[in-house]
Amino acid sequence: MSHNINISNITDYSFLQPASDSSQGVTTAWVDVSGSQITYTPTENSDFIIYEFCFLQSQDPSESSTNYMVAYYKFLYSDNNGSTWSELSNSRNFIGGLDPSLIRIRGLYNIKHCIPYWSNSARIFKLQVKKPSNTYATTLHINAGFYDDTGLLSDDRYIRPIVSCYSVTS
């Protein structure tokens, strides 16, 4: 299925960005991705809703024993103000890689989901993350191993994630 989206098709655009810098380590258990949660009420009778999350994933600078950076993501929603959560079908993502030259792996990523219209009621969305085992060193929202303009190595360059939702109508 393909959709042609232009600015006139988009309504009720909503986005959030954290006000402060913080990183998030990734463990082997599913945990909420900081900055990924948004509550959204779609335009009535929309064709579908787009959820989008832009963030940085990198190798954890505190874990020098591996050069793998791997994470799994799943997309959840709640129709009852967070009392229970459901996973959207076919919504899992994998981001990762191996750098044989031992240069730190990092990048900005954009996870986007096309969600069928449900009703004109509020729904909460969020992502959860985990790594497959402790042999992987993954962190979010920090640009680990960044060389500044003086050539010094720094691990304090944060990227604040952005989460957004909007309705699309034909």
C-alpha atoms as a PDB file:
ATOM      1  CA  MET A   1       0.000   0.000   0.000  1.00  0.00           C
ATOM      2  CA  SER A   2       1.350   3.439  -0.851  1.00  0.00           C
ATOM      3  CA  HIS A   3       0.123   6.890   0.093  1.00  0.00           C
ATOM      4  CA  ASN A   4       0.772  10.241  -1.487  1.00  0.00           C
ATOM      5  CA  ILE A   5       1.150  12.761   1.337  1.00  0.00           C
ATOM      6  CA  ASN A   6       1.389  16.488   0.810  1.00  0.00           C
ATOM      7  CA  ILE A   7       0.976  19.363   3.226  1.00  0.00           C
ATOM      8  CA  SER A   8      -2.735  19.746   2.511  1.00  0.00           C
ATOM      9  CA  ASN A   9      -3.338  16.132   3.646  1.00  0.00           C
ATOM     10  CA  ILE A  10      -1.766  16.654   7.101  1.00  0.00           C
ATOM     11  CA  THR A  11      -3.800  17.890  10.063  1.00  0.00           C
ATOM     12  CA  ASP A  12      -3.364  18.122  13.825  1.00  0.00           C
ATOM     13  CA  TYR A  13       0.428  17.943  13.793  1.00  0.00           C
ATOM     14  CA  SER A  14       1.756  17.518  17.337  1.00  0.00           C
ATOM     15  CA  PHE A  15       5.344  17.116  18.524  1.00  0.00           C
ATOM     16  CA  LEU A  16       7.311  16.981  21.777  1.00  0.00           C
ATOM     17  CA  GLN A  17      10.983  17.372  22.647  1.00  0.00           C
ATOM     18  CA  PRO A  18      12.553  16.995  26.115  1.00  0.00           C
ATOM     19  CA  ALA A  19      13.718  20.218  27.745  1.00  0.00           C
ATOM     20  CA  SER A  20      16.932  18.734  29.138  1.00  0.00           C
ATOM     21  CA  ASP A  21      19.778  16.475  28.033  1.00  0.00           C
ATOM     22  CA  SER A  22      19.953  12.866  29.177  1.00  0.00           C
ATOM     23  CA  SER A  23      21.216   9.572  27.841  1.00  0.00           C
ATOM     24  CA  GLN A  24      19.622   6.162  28.205  1.00  0.00           C
ATOM     25  CA  GLY A  25      21.502   2.888  28.426  1.00  0.00           C
ATOM     26  CA  VAL A  26      19.935  -0.155  26.767  1.00  0.00           C
ATOM     27  CA  THR A  27      19.526  -3.384  28.748  1.00  0.00           C
ATOM     28  CA  THR A  28      18.396  -6.920  27.907  1.00  0.00           C
ATOM     29  CA  ALA A  29      14.864  -6.207  29.239  1.00  0.00           C
ATOM     30  CA  TRP A  30      12.189  -4.204  27.417  1.00  0.00           C
ATOM     31  CA  VAL A  31      12.083  -0.638  28.794  1.00  0.00           C
ATOM     32  CA  ASP A  32      10.392   2.559  27.647  1.00  0.00           C
ATOM     33  CA  VAL A  33      12.477   4.746  25.340  1.00  0.00           C
ATOM     34  CA  SER A  34      12.801   8.135  27.010  1.00  0.00           C
ATOM     35  CA  GLY A  35      11.216  10.888  24.955  1.00  0.00           C
ATOM     36  CA  SER A  36       9.147   8.526  22.769  1.00  0.00           C
ATOM     37  CA  GLN A  37       5.762   8.867  24.490  1.00  0.00           C
ATOM     38  CA  ILE A  38       3.051  11.100  23.083  1.00  0.00           C
ATOM     39  CA  THR A  39      -0.713  11.374  23.605  1.00  0.00           C
ATOM     40  CA  TYR A  40      -2.593  12.014  20.398  1.00  0.00           C
ATOM     41  CA  THR A  41      -6.197  12.578  19.304  1.00  0.00           C
ATOM     42  CA  PRO A  42      -6.563  12.272  15.519  1.00  0.00           C
ATOM     43  CA  THR A  43      -8.649  14.383  13.193  1.00  0.00           C
ATOM     44  CA  GLU A  44     -12.090  12.806  12.859  1.00  0.00           C
ATOM     45  CA  ASN A  45     -12.347  10.323   9.951  1.00  0.00           C
ATOM     46  CA  SER A  46      -8.648  10.474   9.111  1.00  0.00           C
ATOM     47  CA  ASP A  47      -7.351   7.821   6.740  1.00  0.00           C
ATOM     48  CA  PHE A  48      -4.385   7.047   8.974  1.00  0.00           C
ATOM     49  CA  ILE A  49      -2.087   8.542  11.599  1.00  0.00           C
ATOM     50  CA  ILE A  50       1.704   8.846  11.416  1.00  0.00           C
ATOM     51  CA  TYR A  51       3.843   8.386  14.538  1.00  0.00           C
ATOM     52  CA  GLU A  52       7.462   9.460  14.120  1.00  0.00           C
ATOM     53  CA  PHE A  53      10.405   9.325  16.520  1.00  0.00           C
ATOM     54  CA  CYS A  54      13.797  10.835  15.677  1.00  0.00           C
ATOM     55  CA  PHE A  55      16.689   9.973  18.023  1.00  0.00           C
ATOM     56  CA  LEU A  56      20.363   9.086  18.265  1.00  0.00           C
ATOM     57  CA  GLN A  57      21.631   5.558  18.898  1.00  0.00           C
ATOM     58  CA  SER A  58      25.318   4.937  19.527  1.00  0.00           C
ATOM     59  CA  GLN A  59      27.805   2.594  21.108  1.00  0.00           C
ATOM     60  CA  ASP A  60      27.852   2.978  24.867  1.00  0.00           C
ATOM     61  CA  PRO A  61      31.124   4.754  25.774  1.00  0.00           C
ATOM     62  CA  SER A  62      31.272   2.996  29.157  1.00  0.00           C
ATOM     63  CA  GLU A  63      31.397  -0.426  27.465  1.00  0.00           C
ATOM     64  CA  SER A  64      34.688  -0.740  25.611  1.00  0.00           C
ATOM     65  CA  SER A  65      34.638  -4.555  25.478  1.00  0.00           C
ATOM     66  CA  THR A  66      32.598  -4.747  22.281  1.00  0.00           C
ATOM     67  CA  ASN A  67      32.203  -2.956  19.011  1.00  0.00           C
ATOM     68  CA  TYR A  68      28.636  -4.099  18.395  1.00  0.00           C
ATOM     69  CA  MET A  69      25.720  -1.672  18.656  1.00  0.00           C
ATOM     70  CA  VAL A  70      22.380  -3.450  18.416  1.00  0.00           C
ATOM     71  CA  ALA A  71      18.866  -2.670  19.663  1.00  0.00           C
ATOM     72  CA  TYR A  72      15.364  -3.962  19.077  1.00  0.00           C
ATOM     73  CA  TYR A  73      12.372  -1.616  19.232  1.00  0.00           C
ATOM     74  CA  LYS A  74       8.667  -2.305  19.621  1.00  0.00           C
ATOM     75  CA  PHE A  75       5.752   0.118  19.283  1.00  0.00           C
ATOM     76  CA  LEU A  76       3.028   0.189  21.949  1.00  0.00           C
ATOM     77  CA  TYR A  77      -0.235   2.043  22.440  1.00  0.00           C
ATOM     78  CA  SER A  78      -2.757   2.514  25.208  1.00  0.00           C
ATOM     79  CA  ASP A  79      -6.432   3.431  24.908  1.00  0.00           C
ATOM     80  CA  ASN A  80      -6.955   3.679  28.684  1.00  0.00           C
ATOM     81  CA  ASN A  81      -4.484   6.337  29.822  1.00  0.00           C
ATOM     82  CA  GLY A  82      -1.606   3.869  30.256  1.00  0.00           C
ATOM     83  CA  SER A  83      -3.340   1.259  32.433  1.00  0.00           C
ATOM     84  CA  THR A  84      -2.653  -1.421  29.796  1.00  0.00           C
ATOM     85  CA  TRP A  85      -0.487  -1.437  26.669  1.00  0.00           C
ATOM     86  CA  SER A  86      -0.838  -3.279  23.358  1.00  0.00           C
ATOM     87  CA  GLU A  87       1.726  -3.814  20.639  1.00  0.00           C
ATOM     88  CA  LEU A  88       0.816  -2.631  17.153  1.00  0.00           C
ATOM     89  CA  SER A  89       1.012  -5.524  14.658  1.00  0.00           C
ATOM     90  CA  ASN A  90       4.171  -5.738  12.526  1.00  0.00           C
ATOM     91  CA  SER A  91       5.765  -2.809  14.345  1.00  0.00           C
ATOM     92  CA  ARG A  92       9.135  -4.135  15.526  1.00  0.00           C
ATOM     93  CA  ASN A  93      12.378  -2.543  14.354  1.00  0.00           C
ATOM     94  CA  PHE A  94      16.046  -3.507  14.519  1.00  0.00           C
ATOM     95  CA  ILE A  95      18.915  -1.017  14.428  1.00  0.00           C
ATOM     96  CA  GLY A  96      22.484  -2.160  14.695  1.00  0.00           C
ATOM     97  CA  GLY A  97      25.806  -2.925  13.173  1.00  0.00           C
ATOM     98  CA  LEU A  98      29.401  -3.974  13.580  1.00  0.00           C
ATOM     99  CA  ASP A  99      32.297  -1.655  12.936  1.00  0.00           C
ATOM    100  CA  PRO A 100      35.403  -3.703  12.099  1.00  0.00           C
ATOM    101  CA  SER A 101      37.699  -0.667  12.256  1.00  0.00           C
ATOM    102  CA  LEU A 102      36.662  -0.010  15.885  1.00  0.00           C
ATOM    103  CA  ILE A 103      35.365   3.467  15.108  1.00  0.00           C
ATOM    104  CA  ARG A 104      32.348   4.086  17.277  1.00  0.00           C
ATOM    105  CA  ILE A 105      29.093   3.403  15.525  1.00  0.00           C
ATOM    106  CA  ARG A 106      26.376   6.037  15.862  1.00  0.00           C
ATOM    107  CA  GLY A 107      23.636   7.672  13.904  1.00  0.00           C
ATOM    108  CA  LEU A 108      20.402   9.579  13.871  1.00  0.00           C
ATOM    109  CA  TYR A 109      17.480   7.264  13.291  1.00  0.00           C
ATOM    110  CA  ASN A 110      13.859   7.864  12.472  1.00  0.00           C
ATOM    111  CA  ILE A 111      11.260   5.252  13.398  1.00  0.00           C
ATOM    112  CA  LYS A 112       7.950   5.912  11.677  1.00  0.00           C
ATOM    113  CA  HIS A 113       4.676   3.993  11.941  1.00  0.00           C
ATOM    114  CA  CYS A 114       1.543   4.293   9.836  1.00  0.00           C
ATOM    115  CA  ILE A 115      -1.413   3.590  12.126  1.00  0.00           C
ATOM    116  CA  PRO A 116      -4.983   2.935  10.994  1.00  0.00           C
ATOM    117  CA  TYR A 117      -7.543   5.487  12.187  1.00  0.00           C
ATOM    118  CA  TRP A 118      -9.205   4.219  15.395  1.00  0.00           C
ATOM    119  CA  SER A 119     -11.648   6.985  16.446  1.00  0.00           C
ATOM    120  CA  ASN A 120     -11.617  10.596  17.541  1.00  0.00           C
ATOM    121  CA  SER A 121     -10.351   9.656  21.031  1.00  0.00           C
ATOM    122  CA  ALA A 122      -6.965  10.072  22.707  1.00  0.00           C
ATOM    123  CA  ARG A 123      -4.398   7.300  22.448  1.00  0.00           C
ATOM    124  CA  ILE A 124      -0.936   7.157  24.031  1.00  0.00           C
ATOM    125  CA  PHE A 125       1.991   5.863  21.955  1.00  0.00           C
ATOM    126  CA  LYS A 126       5.518   4.911  22.997  1.00  0.00           C
ATOM    127  CA  LEU A 127       8.497   2.802  22.003  1.00  0.00           C
ATOM    128  CA  GLN A 128      10.299   0.200  24.051  1.00  0.00           C
ATOM    129  CA  VAL A 129      13.895  -0.932  23.512  1.00  0.00           C
ATOM    130  CA  LYS A 130      16.178  -3.818  24.479  1.00  0.00           C
ATOM    131  CA  LYS A 131      19.449  -5.371  23.338  1.00  0.00           C
ATOM    132  CA  PRO A 132      19.695  -9.106  22.598  1.00  0.00           C
ATOM    133  CA  SER A 133      22.515  -9.812  25.088  1.00  0.00           C
ATOM    134  CA  ASN A 134      25.142  -8.106  27.211  1.00  0.00           C
ATOM    135  CA  THR A 135      27.736  -8.527  24.441  1.00  0.00           C
ATOM    136  CA  TYR A 136      26.168  -5.460  22.810  1.00  0.00           C
ATOM    137  CA  ALA A 137      26.913  -1.916  24.019  1.00  0.00           C
ATOM    138  CA  THR A 138      24.117   0.441  23.017  1.00  0.00           C
ATOM    139  CA  THR A 139      23.033   3.817  24.353  1.00  0.00           C
ATOM    140  CA  LEU A 140      20.483   6.404  23.246  1.00  0.00           C
ATOM    141  CA  HIS A 141      20.472  10.200  22.966  1.00  0.00           C
ATOM    142  CA  ILE A 142      24.228  10.757  23.438  1.00  0.00           C
ATOM    143  CA  ASN A 143      26.800  11.192  20.701  1.00  0.00           C
ATOM    144  CA  ALA A 144      29.442   8.924  22.213  1.00  0.00           C
ATOM    145  CA  GLY A 145      32.994   9.282  20.989  1.00  0.00           C
ATOM    146  CA  PHE A 146      32.484  12.735  19.488  1.00  0.00           C
ATOM    147  CA  TYR A 147      35.612  14.680  18.560  1.00  0.00           C
ATOM    148  CA  ASP A 148      35.136  18.412  19.091  1.00  0.00           C
ATOM    149  CA  ASP A 149      36.687  21.186  17.006  1.00  0.00           C
ATOM    150  CA  THR A 150      39.920  21.051  19.046  1.00  0.00           C
ATOM    151  CA  GLY A 151      40.361  17.323  18.368  1.00  0.00           C
ATOM    152  CA  LEU A 152      39.518  16.257  21.916  1.00  0.00           C
ATOM    153  CA  LEU A 153      37.343  13.210  22.496  1.00  0.00           C
ATOM    154  CA  SER A 154      34.111  14.056  24.292  1.00  0.00           C
ATOM    155  CA  ASP A 155      31.183  11.942  25.464  1.00  0.00           C
ATOM    156  CA  ASP A 156      28.930  14.845  26.471  1.00  0.00           C
ATOM    157  CA  ARG A 157      27.184  15.695  23.188  1.00  0.00           C
ATOM    158  CA  TYR A 158      23.486  14.984  23.597  1.00  0.00           C
ATOM    159  CA  ILE A 159      20.794  14.805  20.956  1.00  0.00           C
ATOM    160  CA  ARG A 160      17.301  15.549  22.251  1.00  0.00           C
ATOM    161  CA  PRO A 161      14.805  13.178  20.614  1.00  0.00           C
ATOM    162  CA  ILE A 162      11.681  14.459  18.872  1.00  0.00           C
ATOM    163  CA  VAL A 163       8.381  12.569  18.832  1.00  0.00           C
ATOM    164  CA  SER A 164       5.501  13.617  16.598  1.00  0.00           C
ATOM    165  CA  CYS A 165       2.077  12.511  15.408  1.00  0.00           C
ATOM    166  CA  TYR A 166      -0.175  13.786  12.688  1.00  0.00           C
ATOM    167  CA  SER A 167      -3.355  12.800  10.891  1.00  0.00           C
ATOM    168  CA  VAL A 168      -3.498  12.197   7.152  1.00  0.00           C
ATOM    169  CA  THR A 169      -6.699  12.527   5.147  1.00  0.00           C
ATOM    170  CA  SER A 170      -7.287  12.174   1.430  1.00  0.00           C
END
